[in-house]
C-alpha atoms as a PDB file:
ATOM      1  CA  MET A   1      -0.082  -0.051  -0.198  1.00  0.00           C
ATOM      2  CA  SER A   2       1.179   3.438  -0.658  1.00  0.00           C
ATOM      3  CA  ARG A   3       2.000   6.291   1.546  1.00  0.00           C
ATOM      4  CA  ALA A   4      -1.537   8.202   1.744  1.00  0.00           C
ATOM      5  CA  ASP A   5      -2.174  11.161  -0.249  1.00  0.00           C
ATOM      6  CA  SER A   6      -2.513  14.269   1.337  1.00  0.00           C
ATOM      7  CA  ARG A   7      -6.334  15.761   1.292  1.00  0.00           C
ATOM      8  CA  THR A   8      -8.122  17.606  -1.457  1.00  0.00           C
ATOM      9  CA  ASP A   9     -11.594  19.353  -0.953  1.00  0.00           C
ATOM     10  CA  GLY A  10     -14.469  17.286  -2.168  1.00  0.00           C
ATOM     11  CA  ASP A  11     -11.879  14.009  -2.252  1.00  0.00           C
ATOM     12  CA  SER A  12     -13.465  10.331  -1.678  1.00  0.00           C
ATOM     13  CA  TRP A  13     -11.913   7.398  -0.641  1.00  0.00           C
ATOM     14  CA  ASP A  14     -12.908   3.394   0.461  1.00  0.00           C
ATOM     15  CA  LEU A  15     -11.322   1.409   2.766  1.00  0.00           C
ATOM     16  CA  ALA A  16      -7.974   0.558   1.074  1.00  0.00           C
ATOM     17  CA  SER A  17      -7.203   4.346   0.882  1.00  0.00           C
ATOM     18  CA  SER A  18      -6.956   7.550   2.439  1.00  0.00           C
ATOM     19  CA  VAL A  19      -8.698   8.190   5.587  1.00  0.00           C
ATOM     20  CA  GLY A  20     -10.963   4.306   4.694  1.00  0.00           C
ATOM     21  CA  THR A  21      -7.399   2.898   5.550  1.00  0.00           C
ATOM     22  CA  THR A  22      -7.396   4.652   8.983  1.00  0.00           C
ATOM     23  CA  ALA A  23     -11.020   2.629   9.837  1.00  0.00           C
ATOM     24  CA  THR A  24      -9.429  -0.740   8.645  1.00  0.00           C
ATOM     25  CA  MET A  25      -6.338   0.090  10.669  1.00  0.00           C
ATOM     26  CA  VAL A  26      -8.953   0.147  13.730  1.00  0.00           C
ATOM     27  CA  ALA A  27     -10.962  -2.524  12.901  1.00  0.00           C
ATOM     28  CA  ALA A  28      -7.383  -4.355  13.248  1.00  0.00           C
ATOM     29  CA  ALA A  29      -6.534  -3.219  16.593  1.00  0.00           C
ATOM     30  CA  ARG A  30     -10.447  -4.440  17.450  1.00  0.00           C
ATOM     31  CA  ALA A  31      -9.565  -7.401  16.386  1.00  0.00           C
ATOM     32  CA  VAL A  32      -6.356  -7.579  18.334  1.00  0.00           C
ATOM     33  CA  ALA A  33      -8.038  -6.268  21.245  1.00  0.00           C
ATOM     34  CA  SER A  34     -10.675  -8.828  21.463  1.00  0.00           C
ATOM     35  CA  ARG A  35      -7.831 -11.684  21.677  1.00  0.00           C
ATOM     36  CA  ASP A  36      -6.725  -9.787  25.002  1.00  0.00           C
ATOM     37  CA  ALA A  37      -6.597 -12.509  28.338  1.00  0.00           C
ATOM     38  CA  ASP A  38      -8.779  -9.504  29.652  1.00  0.00           C
ATOM     39  CA  PRO A  39     -10.884  -7.974  26.999  1.00  0.00           C
ATOM     40  CA  LEU A  40     -12.203  -4.660  27.310  1.00  0.00           C
ATOM     41  CA  PHE A  41     -14.713  -5.967  24.263  1.00  0.00           C
ATOM     42  CA  ASP A  42     -15.671  -8.344  21.716  1.00  0.00           C
ATOM     43  CA  ASP A  43     -15.865  -7.667  18.024  1.00  0.00           C
ATOM     44  CA  PRO A  44     -16.172 -11.064  16.439  1.00  0.00           C
ATOM     45  CA  TYR A  45     -16.910  -9.059  13.403  1.00  0.00           C
ATOM     46  CA  ALA A  46     -13.895  -6.895  13.000  1.00  0.00           C
ATOM     47  CA  ALA A  47     -11.682 -10.084  11.578  1.00  0.00           C
ATOM     48  CA  ALA A  48     -13.898 -10.418   9.017  1.00  0.00           C
ATOM     49  CA  LEU A  49     -14.198  -7.324   7.815  1.00  0.00           C
ATOM     50  CA  VAL A  50     -10.598  -6.473   7.602  1.00  0.00           C
ATOM     51  CA  ARG A  51     -10.028  -9.642   5.786  1.00  0.00           C
ATOM     52  CA  ALA A  52     -12.507  -8.328   3.148  1.00  0.00           C
ATOM     53  CA  VAL A  53     -10.869  -4.957   2.704  1.00  0.00           C
ATOM     54  CA  GLY A  54      -7.857  -7.348   1.567  1.00  0.00           C
ATOM     55  CA  LEU A  55      -4.749  -5.182   2.761  1.00  0.00           C
ATOM     56  CA  ASP A  56      -2.068  -8.035   3.526  1.00  0.00           C
ATOM     57  CA  PHE A  57      -0.405  -6.604   6.906  1.00  0.00           C
ATOM     58  CA  PHE A  58      -3.649  -5.950   8.434  1.00  0.00           C
ATOM     59  CA  THR A  59      -5.081  -8.972   7.359  1.00  0.00           C
ATOM     60  CA  LYS A  60      -2.251 -11.230   8.970  1.00  0.00           C
ATOM     61  CA  LEU A  61      -2.758  -8.479  12.319  1.00  0.00           C
ATOM     62  CA  ALA A  62      -6.240  -9.243  12.241  1.00  0.00           C
ATOM     63  CA  ASP A  63      -5.877 -13.075  11.885  1.00  0.00           C
ATOM     64  CA  GLY A  64      -3.277 -12.921  14.449  1.00  0.00           C
ATOM     65  CA  GLU A  65      -0.426 -14.035  12.215  1.00  0.00           C
ATOM     66  CA  VAL A  66       1.634 -11.299  13.152  1.00  0.00           C
ATOM     67  CA  GLU A  67       1.726  -9.187  16.338  1.00  0.00           C
ATOM     68  CA  LEU A  68       2.505  -5.710  17.080  1.00  0.00           C
ATOM     69  CA  PRO A  69       6.034  -5.708  18.198  1.00  0.00           C
ATOM     70  CA  ASP A  70       6.347  -5.167  21.782  1.00  0.00           C
ATOM     71  CA  ASP A  71       9.668  -4.707  23.001  1.00  0.00           C
ATOM     72  CA  GLY A  72       8.807  -3.495  26.554  1.00  0.00           C
ATOM     73  CA  GLU A  73       8.819   0.395  25.322  1.00  0.00           C
ATOM     74  CA  PRO A  74       5.426   1.266  26.900  1.00  0.00           C
ATOM     75  CA  GLY A  75       4.493   3.496  24.262  1.00  0.00           C
ATOM     76  CA  GLY A  76       5.625   1.288  21.682  1.00  0.00           C
ATOM     77  CA  PRO A  77       3.478  -0.184  18.860  1.00  0.00           C
ATOM     78  CA  ALA A  78       1.373  -2.416  21.269  1.00  0.00           C
ATOM     79  CA  PHE A  79       0.225   0.504  22.765  1.00  0.00           C
ATOM     80  CA  LEU A  80      -1.792   1.179  19.424  1.00  0.00           C
ATOM     81  CA  ALA A  81      -4.208  -1.861  20.305  1.00  0.00           C
ATOM     82  CA  THR A  82      -4.581  -0.704  23.840  1.00  0.00           C
ATOM     83  CA  SER A  83      -5.240   2.674  22.822  1.00  0.00           C
ATOM     84  CA  ILE A  84      -8.036   1.333  20.634  1.00  0.00           C
ATOM     85  CA  ALA A  85      -9.701  -0.865  22.788  1.00  0.00           C
ATOM     86  CA  VAL A  86     -10.266   1.801  25.746  1.00  0.00           C
ATOM     87  CA  ARG A  87     -11.296   4.127  23.299  1.00  0.00           C
ATOM     88  CA  THR A  88     -14.039   1.224  21.785  1.00  0.00           C
ATOM     89  CA  ARG A  89     -14.771   0.270  25.117  1.00  0.00           C
ATOM     90  CA  PHE A  90     -15.575   3.998  26.221  1.00  0.00           C
ATOM     91  CA  PHE A  91     -18.261   4.107  23.097  1.00  0.00           C
ATOM     92  CA  ASP A  92     -19.684   0.874  24.034  1.00  0.00           C
ATOM     93  CA  ASP A  93     -21.020   2.601  27.290  1.00  0.00           C
ATOM     94  CA  PHE A  94     -21.913   5.781  26.085  1.00  0.00           C
ATOM     95  CA  PHE A  95     -24.093   3.527  23.584  1.00  0.00           C
ATOM     96  CA  ALA A  96     -25.386   1.541  26.694  1.00  0.00           C
ATOM     97  CA  GLU A  97     -25.932   4.076  28.939  1.00  0.00           C
ATOM     98  CA  ALA A  98     -27.874   6.114  26.396  1.00  0.00           C
ATOM     99  CA  GLY A  99     -30.278   3.274  26.270  1.00  0.00           C
ATOM    100  CA  ALA A 100     -30.487   2.686  29.995  1.00  0.00           C
ATOM    101  CA  ALA A 101     -31.696   6.722  29.945  1.00  0.00           C
ATOM    102  CA  GLY A 102     -34.618   5.714  27.477  1.00  0.00           C
ATOM    103  CA  ILE A 103     -32.712   6.902  24.319  1.00  0.00           C
ATOM    104  CA  ARG A 104     -33.989   5.069  20.996  1.00  0.00           C
ATOM    105  CA  GLN A 105     -32.774   6.806  17.992  1.00  0.00           C
ATOM    106  CA  ALA A 106     -28.327   6.394  17.549  1.00  0.00           C
ATOM    107  CA  VAL A 107     -26.481   7.765  14.697  1.00  0.00           C
ATOM    108  CA  ILE A 108     -22.897   6.606  14.020  1.00  0.00           C
ATOM    109  CA  LEU A 109     -20.648   9.598  12.263  1.00  0.00           C
ATOM    110  CA  ALA A 110     -18.022   8.302   9.899  1.00  0.00           C
ATOM    111  CA  SER A 111     -19.272   4.738  10.624  1.00  0.00           C
ATOM    112  CA  GLY A 112     -16.625   3.276   8.797  1.00  0.00           C
ATOM    113  CA  LEU A 113     -15.980  -0.431   9.813  1.00  0.00           C
ATOM    114  CA  ASP A 114     -17.689   0.285  13.364  1.00  0.00           C
ATOM    115  CA  SER A 115     -20.145  -3.131  14.260  1.00  0.00           C
ATOM    116  CA  ARG A 116     -21.970  -2.076  16.993  1.00  0.00           C
ATOM    117  CA  ALA A 117     -25.315  -2.073  15.093  1.00  0.00           C
ATOM    118  CA  TYR A 118     -24.261  -5.879  15.291  1.00  0.00           C
ATOM    119  CA  ARG A 119     -22.601  -6.489  18.662  1.00  0.00           C
ATOM    120  CA  LEU A 120     -24.170  -4.492  21.122  1.00  0.00           C
ATOM    121  CA  SER A 121     -27.133  -5.023  23.277  1.00  0.00           C
ATOM    122  CA  TRP A 122     -29.518  -2.252  21.863  1.00  0.00           C
ATOM    123  CA  SER A 123     -32.726  -1.516  23.924  1.00  0.00           C
ATOM    124  CA  ASP A 124     -36.095  -2.590  21.764  1.00  0.00           C
ATOM    125  CA  GLY A 125     -37.264  -0.415  19.501  1.00  0.00           C
ATOM    126  CA  THR A 126     -33.891   1.418  18.828  1.00  0.00           C
ATOM    127  CA  VAL A 127     -33.086   2.583  15.567  1.00  0.00           C
ATOM    128  CA  VAL A 128     -29.476   2.775  14.532  1.00  0.00           C
ATOM    129  CA  TYR A 129     -28.197   5.201  11.587  1.00  0.00           C
ATOM    130  CA  GLU A 130     -24.871   4.913  10.543  1.00  0.00           C
ATOM    131  CA  ILE A 131     -23.791   7.528   7.426  1.00  0.00           C
ATOM    132  CA  ASP A 132     -20.137   7.114   5.881  1.00  0.00           C
ATOM    133  CA  GLN A 133     -19.176   7.746   2.097  1.00  0.00           C
ATOM    134  CA  PRO A 134     -21.415   5.405  -0.516  1.00  0.00           C
ATOM    135  CA  GLN A 135     -18.975   3.249  -1.009  1.00  0.00           C
ATOM    136  CA  VAL A 136     -18.138   2.256   2.428  1.00  0.00           C
ATOM    137  CA  ILE A 137     -21.389   2.053   3.508  1.00  0.00           C
ATOM    138  CA  GLU A 138     -22.115  -0.643   0.854  1.00  0.00           C
ATOM    139  CA  PHE A 139     -18.771  -2.775   1.332  1.00  0.00           C
ATOM    140  CA  LYS A 140     -19.638  -3.364   4.661  1.00  0.00           C
ATOM    141  CA  SER A 141     -23.274  -3.916   4.224  1.00  0.00           C
ATOM    142  CA  ALA A 142     -22.302  -6.421   1.499  1.00  0.00           C
ATOM    143  CA  THR A 143     -19.792  -8.078   3.539  1.00  0.00           C
ATOM    144  CA  MET A 144     -21.789  -8.459   6.744  1.00  0.00           C
ATOM    145  CA  GLU A 145     -24.326 -10.265   4.764  1.00  0.00           C
ATOM    146  CA  SER A 146     -22.236 -12.651   3.098  1.00  0.00           C
ATOM    147  CA  ILE A 147     -20.788 -13.825   6.888  1.00  0.00           C
ATOM    148  CA  GLY A 148     -24.420 -14.131   7.480  1.00  0.00           C
ATOM    149  CA  ALA A 149     -24.400 -11.207  10.499  1.00  0.00           C
ATOM    150  CA  THR A 150     -27.394  -9.559  11.291  1.00  0.00           C
ATOM    151  CA  PRO A 151     -28.423  -5.869  12.793  1.00  0.00           C
ATOM    152  CA  ALA A 152     -29.192  -5.901  16.543  1.00  0.00           C
ATOM    153  CA  ALA A 153     -31.182  -3.400  16.498  1.00  0.00           C
ATOM    154  CA  GLU A 154     -32.772  -1.793  13.527  1.00  0.00           C
ATOM    155  CA  GLN A 155     -30.121  -0.375  11.073  1.00  0.00           C
ATOM    156  CA  ARG A 156     -30.870   2.308   8.661  1.00  0.00           C
ATOM    157  CA  THR A 157     -27.782   3.269   6.418  1.00  0.00           C
ATOM    158  CA  VAL A 158     -27.213   6.913   4.979  1.00  0.00           C
ATOM    159  CA  GLY A 159     -23.894   6.995   1.912  1.00  0.00           C
ATOM    160  CA  ILE A 160     -23.394  10.614   2.143  1.00  0.00           C
ATOM    161  CA  ASP A 161     -20.418  12.117   2.588  1.00  0.00           C
ATOM    162  CA  LEU A 162     -19.972  14.532   5.891  1.00  0.00           C
ATOM    163  CA  ARG A 163     -19.286  17.536   4.013  1.00  0.00           C
ATOM    164  CA  GLU A 164     -22.775  17.217   1.715  1.00  0.00           C
ATOM    165  CA  ASP A 165     -25.710  18.137   2.782  1.00  0.00           C
ATOM    166  CA  TRP A 166     -25.815  14.780   5.546  1.00  0.00           C
ATOM    167  CA  PRO A 167     -28.904  16.012   8.197  1.00  0.00           C
ATOM    168  CA  LYS A 168     -31.093  15.889   4.586  1.00  0.00           C
ATOM    169  CA  ALA A 169     -29.959  12.684   3.724  1.00  0.00           C
ATOM    170  CA  LEU A 170     -30.443  11.656   7.353  1.00  0.00           C
ATOM    171  CA  ARG A 171     -33.909  13.193   7.367  1.00  0.00           C
ATOM    172  CA  ALA A 172     -35.203  11.669   4.283  1.00  0.00           C
ATOM    173  CA  SER A 173     -33.930   8.186   6.269  1.00  0.00           C
ATOM    174  CA  GLY A 174     -36.902   8.340   8.742  1.00  0.00           C
ATOM    175  CA  PHE A 175     -34.620  10.072  11.788  1.00  0.00           C
ATOM    176  CA  ASP A 176     -36.909  12.248  13.948  1.00  0.00           C
ATOM    177  CA  PRO A 177     -35.182  15.284  15.147  1.00  0.00           C
ATOM    178  CA  HIS A 178     -37.891  15.241  18.063  1.00  0.00           C
ATOM    179  CA  GLN A 179     -36.621  12.517  19.456  1.00  0.00           C
ATOM    180  CA  PRO A 180     -33.761  12.529  21.458  1.00  0.00           C
ATOM    181  CA  THR A 181     -30.561  10.703  20.099  1.00  0.00           C
ATOM    182  CA  ALA A 182     -27.448   9.644  20.806  1.00  0.00           C
ATOM    183  CA  TRP A 183     -24.512  10.354  18.617  1.00  0.00           C
ATOM    184  CA  SER A 184     -20.784   9.465  18.376  1.00  0.00           C
ATOM    185  CA  ALA A 185     -18.104  11.221  16.481  1.00  0.00           C
ATOM    186  CA  GLU A 186     -15.447   8.650  16.970  1.00  0.00           C
ATOM    187  CA  GLY A 187     -12.300   9.051  15.212  1.00  0.00           C
ATOM    188  CA  LEU A 188     -13.322  11.782  13.361  1.00  0.00           C
ATOM    189  CA  LEU A 189     -12.702  15.338  14.054  1.00  0.00           C
ATOM    190  CA  VAL A 190      -9.095  15.266  13.024  1.00  0.00           C
ATOM    191  CA  TYR A 191     -10.008  14.338   9.715  1.00  0.00           C
ATOM    192  CA  LEU A 192     -12.161  17.544   9.303  1.00  0.00           C
ATOM    193  CA  PRO A 193     -11.531  20.938   8.656  1.00  0.00           C
ATOM    194  CA  PRO A 194     -11.653  23.777  11.565  1.00  0.00           C
ATOM    195  CA  ASP A 195     -14.485  25.224   9.646  1.00  0.00           C
ATOM    196  CA  ALA A 196     -15.873  21.629   9.236  1.00  0.00           C
ATOM    197  CA  GLN A 197     -15.778  20.468  12.444  1.00  0.00           C
ATOM    198  CA  ASP A 198     -18.033  23.782  13.711  1.00  0.00           C
ATOM    199  CA  ARG A 199     -20.438  22.830  11.030  1.00  0.00           C
ATOM    200  CA  LEU A 200     -20.359  19.480  12.107  1.00  0.00           C
ATOM    201  CA  PHE A 201     -21.660  20.534  15.508  1.00  0.00           C
ATOM    202  CA  ASP A 202     -23.918  22.843  14.619  1.00  0.00           C
ATOM    203  CA  ASP A 203     -25.741  20.559  12.577  1.00  0.00           C
ATOM    204  CA  ILE A 204     -25.928  18.270  15.108  1.00  0.00           C
ATOM    205  CA  THR A 205     -27.577  20.769  17.670  1.00  0.00           C
ATOM    206  CA  ALA A 206     -30.160  21.089  14.882  1.00  0.00           C
ATOM    207  CA  LEU A 207     -31.233  17.832  15.137  1.00  0.00           C
ATOM    208  CA  SER A 208     -31.262  17.593  18.827  1.00  0.00           C
ATOM    209  CA  ALA A 209     -33.545  17.385  20.800  1.00  0.00           C
ATOM    210  CA  ARG A 210     -33.688  17.898  24.713  1.00  0.00           C
ATOM    211  CA  GLY A 211     -32.061  14.962  26.081  1.00  0.00           C
ATOM    212  CA  SER A 212     -29.843  14.210  23.467  1.00  0.00           C
ATOM    213  CA  ARG A 213     -26.312  13.084  24.175  1.00  0.00           C
ATOM    214  CA  LEU A 214     -23.026  13.180  21.996  1.00  0.00           C
ATOM    215  CA  ALA A 215     -19.943  11.533  22.684  1.00  0.00           C
ATOM    216  CA  THR A 216     -16.544  12.518  20.647  1.00  0.00           C
ATOM    217  CA  GLU A 217     -12.787  13.231  21.420  1.00  0.00           C
ATOM    218  CA  TYR A 218     -10.424  15.720  21.235  1.00  0.00           C
ATOM    219  CA  HIS A 219      -6.886  16.168  20.513  1.00  0.00           C
ATOM    220  CA  PRO A 220      -5.335  19.127  21.111  1.00  0.00           C
ATOM    221  CA  ASP A 221      -1.825  17.460  19.600  1.00  0.00           C
ATOM    222  CA  ALA A 222      -2.047  14.283  18.773  1.00  0.00           C
ATOM    223  CA  ALA A 223      -1.055  14.010  15.400  1.00  0.00           C
ATOM    224  CA  ALA A 224       2.751  13.731  16.312  1.00  0.00           C
ATOM    225  CA  SER A 225       2.425  11.244  18.955  1.00  0.00           C
ATOM    226  CA  ILE A 226      -0.214   9.304  16.604  1.00  0.00           C
ATOM    227  CA  GLY A 227       2.075   9.333  13.464  1.00  0.00           C
ATOM    228  CA  ALA A 228       5.014   8.370  15.395  1.00  0.00           C
ATOM    229  CA  ARG A 229       3.386   5.222  16.881  1.00  0.00           C
ATOM    230  CA  LEU A 230       2.595   4.390  12.977  1.00  0.00           C
ATOM    231  CA  LYS A 231       6.433   5.291  12.175  1.00  0.00           C
ATOM    232  CA  ASP A 232       7.625   3.136  14.404  1.00  0.00           C
ATOM    233  CA  MET A 233       5.373  -0.143  13.869  1.00  0.00           C
ATOM    234  CA  LYS A 234       6.731   0.759   9.929  1.00  0.00           C
ATOM    235  CA  ASP A 235      10.201   0.637  10.949  1.00  0.00           C
ATOM    236  CA  ARG A 236      10.074  -2.099  13.351  1.00  0.00           C
ATOM    237  CA  TRP A 237       8.326  -4.227  11.439  1.00  0.00           C
ATOM    238  CA  GLY A 238       8.988  -3.891   7.640  1.00  0.00           C
ATOM    239  CA  ASP A 239       6.070  -5.367   6.195  1.00  0.00           C
ATOM    240  CA  ALA A 240       3.594  -2.651   7.881  1.00  0.00           C
ATOM    241  CA  PRO A 241       1.685  -0.393   5.683  1.00  0.00           C
ATOM    242  CA  ASP A 242       3.707   3.350   5.574  1.00  0.00           C
ATOM    243  CA  MET A 243       1.270   5.183   6.443  1.00  0.00           C
ATOM    244  CA  ASP A 244       1.687   9.103   7.205  1.00  0.00           C
ATOM    245  CA  ILE A 245      -2.018   9.914   8.401  1.00  0.00           C
ATOM    246  CA  THR A 246      -0.561  13.324   9.605  1.00  0.00           C
ATOM    247  CA  LYS A 247      -1.027  13.897   5.799  1.00  0.00           C
ATOM    248  CA  LEU A 248      -5.113  13.029   6.213  1.00  0.00           C
ATOM    249  CA  PHE A 249      -5.136  15.808   9.318  1.00  0.00           C
ATOM    250  CA  TYR A 250      -5.962  19.119   8.459  1.00  0.00           C
ATOM    251  CA  ASP A 251      -4.097  22.104   9.811  1.00  0.00           C
ATOM    252  CA  GLY A 252      -5.514  25.215  11.279  1.00  0.00           C
ATOM    253  CA  GLU A 253      -6.599  26.283  14.619  1.00  0.00           C
ATOM    254  CA  ARG A 254     -10.066  25.014  15.456  1.00  0.00           C
ATOM    255  CA  ASN A 255     -12.164  25.719  18.412  1.00  0.00           C
ATOM    256  CA  GLY A 256     -11.959  23.821  21.410  1.00  0.00           C
ATOM    257  CA  VAL A 257     -15.020  20.983  21.718  1.00  0.00           C
ATOM    258  CA  VAL A 258     -15.478  21.410  25.295  1.00  0.00           C
ATOM    259  CA  GLU A 259     -16.136  25.368  24.839  1.00  0.00           C
ATOM    260  CA  TYR A 260     -18.122  24.923  21.370  1.00  0.00           C
ATOM    261  CA  LEU A 261     -20.388  22.490  22.554  1.00  0.00           C
ATOM    262  CA  GLY A 262     -20.844  24.556  25.791  1.00  0.00           C
ATOM    263  CA  GLU A 263     -21.522  27.715  23.861  1.00  0.00           C
ATOM    264  CA  HIS A 264     -24.088  26.209  21.684  1.00  0.00           C
ATOM    265  CA  GLY A 265     -26.545  24.700  24.144  1.00  0.00           C
ATOM    266  CA  TRP A 266     -24.924  21.449  25.446  1.00  0.00           C
ATOM    267  CA  ASN A 267     -23.601  20.516  28.969  1.00  0.00           C
ATOM    268  CA  VAL A 268     -20.412  19.219  28.915  1.00  0.00           C
ATOM    269  CA  SER A 269     -18.352  16.321  30.387  1.00  0.00           C
ATOM    270  CA  ALA A 270     -14.740  15.969  29.596  1.00  0.00           C
ATOM    271  CA  ARG A 271     -12.112  13.177  30.751  1.00  0.00           C
ATOM    272  CA  ARG A 272      -8.460  13.480  30.004  1.00  0.00           C
ATOM    273  CA  ARG A 273      -7.158  10.252  28.226  1.00  0.00           C
ATOM    274  CA  PRO A 274      -5.013   8.601  31.365  1.00  0.00           C
ATOM    275  CA  GLU A 275      -8.486   8.855  33.507  1.00  0.00           C
ATOM    276  CA  VAL A 276     -10.590   7.071  31.167  1.00  0.00           C
ATOM    277  CA  PHE A 277      -7.040   4.306  30.418  1.00  0.00           C
ATOM    278  CA  ALA A 278      -7.443   3.707  34.461  1.00  0.00           C
ATOM    279  CA  GLY A 279     -11.575   3.979  34.612  1.00  0.00           C
ATOM    280  CA  TYR A 280     -10.937   0.449  32.318  1.00  0.00           C
ATOM    281  CA  GLY A 281      -8.093  -1.020  34.601  1.00  0.00           C
ATOM    282  CA  ARG A 282      -5.422   0.211  31.948  1.00  0.00           C
ATOM    283  CA  GLU A 283      -2.899   2.085  32.595  1.00  0.00           C
ATOM    284  CA  PHE A 284      -1.515   5.128  30.475  1.00  0.00           C
ATOM    285  CA  PRO A 285       2.403   4.840  30.143  1.00  0.00           C
ATOM    286  CA  ASP A 286       3.883   7.896  31.381  1.00  0.00           C
ATOM    287  CA  THR A 287       6.623   8.397  28.675  1.00  0.00           C
ATOM    288  CA  GLU A 288       7.826  11.350  26.907  1.00  0.00           C
ATOM    289  CA  ALA A 289       6.233  10.240  23.385  1.00  0.00           C
ATOM    290  CA  LEU A 290       2.932   9.928  24.939  1.00  0.00           C
ATOM    291  CA  VAL A 291       2.549  13.760  26.213  1.00  0.00           C
ATOM    292  CA  PRO A 292       0.927  15.190  23.214  1.00  0.00           C
ATOM    293  CA  LEU A 293      -2.130  12.245  23.596  1.00  0.00           C
ATOM    294  CA  ARG A 294      -1.952  12.652  27.589  1.00  0.00           C
ATOM    295  CA  ASP A 295      -4.251  15.780  27.433  1.00  0.00           C
ATOM    296  CA  SER A 296      -6.679  14.425  24.404  1.00  0.00           C
ATOM    297  CA  LEU A 297     -10.003  14.710  25.913  1.00  0.00           C
ATOM    298  CA  ALA A 298     -12.985  11.787  25.847  1.00  0.00           C
ATOM    299  CA  VAL A 299     -16.014  13.739  25.641  1.00  0.00           C
ATOM    300  CA  ILE A 300     -19.784  13.330  26.692  1.00  0.00           C
ATOM    301  CA  ALA A 301     -22.466  16.502  26.312  1.00  0.00           C
ATOM    302  CA  THR A 302     -25.964  16.441  26.867  1.00  0.00           C
ATOM    303  CA  ARG A 303     -28.351  18.797  24.952  1.00  0.00           C
ATOM    304  CA  LYS A 304     -30.163  21.394  27.165  1.00  0.00           C
END
């Protein structure tokens, strides 16, 4: 696989190129994390989805034919799987808690190879909307059907780029803006231009009835650290893809998520990454290489 190309306005991708490659990488990490001796979750579909994409290294990783190199360095490549595991569990718990609070409408933004519509225990009557590029939606739907996977809730897919009029497409799929909604924006914001991030939150706000919830992340300075982890993996394991995902990020000063949502009608709570790790019995390494990630925030907001 070639190095990721830089972003351009109106660019598109599949699951073996550009931003789509990161979705495949995350799914491979979920497969790895599911095999952990003390797993934080179980994703029985991750390996099959990665296998269907067909990127050799990630397929071998998902199937356990290769392991992320771990030479004892706390912030080394093996940390990537732990980080994804903690993030996955955070969003899993978010949806479970929203369902327990009576919310029966969920929207997964930039759903990629997310299998939550299939693997979570959704409350009766829940409708799960998934939004992503049309070719990404079509690929995952076809793959899940081919392996006999059945959604655990009513699933409605919306194939559209988030830079287009996705709120209109979502409403056309039956979304009810008068009902509380649980929204997830996982691993998404760094791939949006700063102004598009604000528009995304503005659109979510306009569609959110009182009591709606939103889960997302905010990484003030994570690009360098994430890129370093992937470079380290490439250096230690020659078959690993040459992924400079920093080329996929949009530069420019962006509004802080906590402040922006707080100013636009949401009650916001946030926890730094070490606190989230500790809550799931995982230790966030105290190493210089991970300092940029230490201030990353896991954010949950509730519409006033």
